[in-house]
Amino acid sequence: MKTKSIVIILFMLCFGTITSSSAEEAYNLNGAWDAIITKTGAASSTKLIDEKDVINISQQGNQFVGIRTIGGKFVGKNEEMVKGKLSYKMVDEVFIRYVSDPITFNLSWIDGRATIIDEGNKIVIQSFIEATGYFETVTLTRQK
């Protein structure tokens, strides 16, 4: 009987019936985060723009949204700037809000790549803004 139970558990683990990735086990991102927003040119690594802000992140389950508290040239104060979804202790998907049309200044959600480091106290988000040719890096550090 014991062998049968072990085989069933191994089968379930191998085929994804039991999963260890849930919102309860994911990092809790709620709170204020210091943000450094850096834009660099596509042709070089020359820093073009550096902005600082504080992003308030609210998280429900595995979904999170970050709102700017100071605001910048395109994404203003109290506007959503970043959103995404966690999968265990990784960012499964992330989007930043930025200008999708440099003529009309329309804002769009642009997908990116994010890494959580320092035991969940730092998030680095990188995106390529095709409309402007910039790379944008948003570095978020949890306020203590």
Protein backbone atom coordinates (compact mmCIF):
# COMPACT_ATOMS: atom_id res chain seq x y z
CA MET A 1 0.00 0.00 0.00
CA LYS A 2 2.87 2.36 0.84
CA THR A 3 4.50 1.73 -2.57
CA LYS A 4 1.25 2.51 -4.37
CA SER A 5 0.96 5.88 -2.55
CA ILE A 6 4.54 6.80 -3.44
CA VAL A 7 3.93 5.93 -7.11
CA ILE A 8 0.76 8.07 -7.17
CA ILE A 9 2.55 11.04 -5.60
CA LEU A 10 5.48 10.73 -8.03
CA PHE A 11 3.05 10.53 -10.96
CA MET A 12 1.20 13.63 -9.77
CA LEU A 13 4.45 15.58 -9.31
CA CYS A 14 5.72 14.61 -12.77
CA PHE A 15 2.54 15.54 -14.57
CA GLY A 16 1.77 18.84 -12.84
CA THR A 17 -1.24 17.85 -10.75
CA ILE A 18 0.54 19.09 -7.65
CA THR A 19 2.07 22.48 -8.09
CA SER A 20 4.19 24.47 -5.68
CA SER A 21 3.68 27.79 -7.44
CA SER A 22 0.83 29.74 -5.90
CA ALA A 23 0.22 33.36 -5.02
CA GLU A 24 0.61 32.52 -1.31
CA GLU A 25 4.18 31.36 -1.91
CA ALA A 26 5.07 34.23 -4.24
CA TYR A 27 6.79 37.38 -3.04
CA ASN A 28 4.55 40.00 -1.50
CA LEU A 29 5.24 43.12 -3.58
CA ASN A 30 2.75 45.40 -1.78
CA GLY A 31 4.18 48.73 -0.69
CA ALA A 32 6.34 51.65 -1.77
CA TRP A 33 9.32 51.08 -4.07
CA ASP A 34 12.03 53.59 -5.05
CA ALA A 35 12.28 53.66 -8.83
CA ILE A 36 15.10 54.63 -11.15
CA ILE A 37 13.96 54.77 -14.76
CA THR A 38 16.80 54.79 -17.27
CA LYS A 39 16.50 55.17 -21.02
CA THR A 40 19.41 54.30 -23.27
CA GLY A 41 19.82 54.52 -27.03
CA ALA A 42 19.43 51.38 -29.12
CA ALA A 43 22.65 52.05 -31.03
CA SER A 44 24.78 52.61 -27.94
CA SER A 45 24.67 52.16 -24.21
CA THR A 46 24.73 55.93 -23.71
CA LYS A 47 22.33 56.96 -20.97
CA LEU A 48 19.79 59.40 -22.39
CA ILE A 49 17.39 60.01 -19.52
CA ASP A 50 17.36 59.13 -15.83
CA GLU A 51 14.19 59.66 -13.79
CA LYS A 52 13.47 58.93 -10.15
CA ASP A 53 10.06 58.19 -8.68
CA VAL A 54 8.33 56.20 -6.00
CA ILE A 55 6.05 53.43 -7.24
CA ASN A 56 3.29 52.13 -4.99
CA ILE A 57 2.65 48.50 -5.83
CA SER A 58 -0.57 46.76 -4.94
CA GLN A 59 -0.86 43.02 -5.36
CA GLN A 60 -3.90 40.77 -5.41
CA GLY A 61 -3.08 37.10 -5.68
CA ASN A 62 -0.39 36.80 -8.33
CA GLN A 63 -1.30 40.07 -10.17
CA PHE A 64 0.37 43.38 -9.36
CA VAL A 65 0.07 47.02 -10.46
CA GLY A 66 2.50 49.88 -9.74
CA ILE A 67 1.37 53.52 -9.65
CA ARG A 68 3.72 56.50 -9.92
CA THR A 69 3.56 58.90 -6.96
CA ILE A 70 5.66 61.72 -8.46
CA GLY A 71 5.06 61.30 -12.18
CA GLY A 72 7.21 61.97 -15.20
CA LYS A 73 7.09 63.47 -18.65
CA PHE A 74 4.73 60.87 -20.12
CA VAL A 75 3.29 58.80 -17.27
CA GLY A 76 1.98 61.24 -14.69
CA LYS A 77 1.40 61.25 -10.97
CA ASN A 78 -1.10 58.64 -9.73
CA GLU A 79 -1.05 56.80 -13.07
CA GLU A 80 -0.28 53.12 -13.59
CA MET A 81 3.26 52.56 -14.83
CA VAL A 82 3.94 48.86 -14.38
CA LYS A 83 1.80 45.74 -14.13
CA GLY A 84 2.40 42.05 -14.24
CA LYS A 85 1.90 38.57 -12.96
CA LEU A 86 4.01 36.48 -10.62
CA SER A 87 4.66 32.79 -10.87
CA TYR A 88 6.08 31.54 -7.60
CA LYS A 89 9.07 33.85 -6.92
CA MET A 90 9.54 35.01 -10.51
CA VAL A 91 7.80 37.57 -12.69
CA ASP A 92 5.86 35.56 -15.26
CA GLU A 93 4.89 38.60 -17.34
CA VAL A 94 5.46 42.32 -16.97
CA PHE A 95 4.41 45.43 -18.85
CA ILE A 96 5.48 49.05 -18.57
CA ARG A 97 3.45 52.00 -19.77
CA TYR A 98 5.22 54.22 -22.25
CA VAL A 99 4.77 56.31 -25.38
CA SER A 100 3.87 54.09 -28.31
CA ASP A 101 3.69 56.99 -30.78
CA PRO A 102 6.27 59.80 -30.43
CA ILE A 103 4.13 62.16 -32.54
CA THR A 104 0.80 61.86 -30.70
CA PHE A 105 2.34 60.78 -27.35
CA ASN A 106 -0.22 57.97 -27.00
CA LEU A 107 0.62 55.62 -24.14
CA SER A 108 0.58 51.83 -24.47
CA TRP A 109 1.53 48.82 -22.38
CA ILE A 110 4.86 47.47 -23.63
CA ASP A 111 5.99 44.00 -22.63
CA GLY A 112 9.26 43.51 -20.88
CA ARG A 113 11.45 41.12 -18.97
CA ALA A 114 11.84 41.28 -15.20
CA THR A 115 14.13 39.76 -12.63
CA ILE A 116 13.50 39.71 -8.88
CA ILE A 117 16.67 39.79 -6.79
CA ASP A 118 17.83 40.47 -3.24
CA GLU A 119 15.23 38.13 -1.67
CA GLY A 120 12.35 40.01 -3.29
CA ASN A 121 13.57 43.49 -2.40
CA LYS A 122 14.67 44.55 -5.88
CA ILE A 123 13.05 44.19 -9.30
CA VAL A 124 14.79 45.05 -12.57
CA ILE A 125 12.47 45.46 -15.58
CA GLN A 126 13.86 45.85 -19.10
CA SER A 127 11.90 46.77 -22.24
CA PHE A 128 12.63 47.90 -25.77
CA ILE A 129 10.47 50.82 -26.85
CA GLU A 130 10.22 50.25 -30.59
CA ALA A 131 8.52 53.59 -31.38
CA THR A 132 11.40 55.61 -29.90
CA GLY A 133 14.27 53.15 -30.32
CA TYR A 134 15.08 53.34 -26.60
CA PHE A 135 15.78 50.61 -24.12
CA GLU A 136 14.11 51.34 -20.81
CA THR A 137 15.26 49.85 -17.53
CA VAL A 138 13.11 50.32 -14.44
CA THR A 139 14.92 49.40 -11.24
CA LEU A 140 12.62 49.11 -8.24
CA THR A 141 14.02 48.88 -4.71
CA ARG A 142 11.65 48.19 -1.82
CA GLN A 143 11.54 51.03 0.69
CA LYS A 144 12.45 49.97 4.22
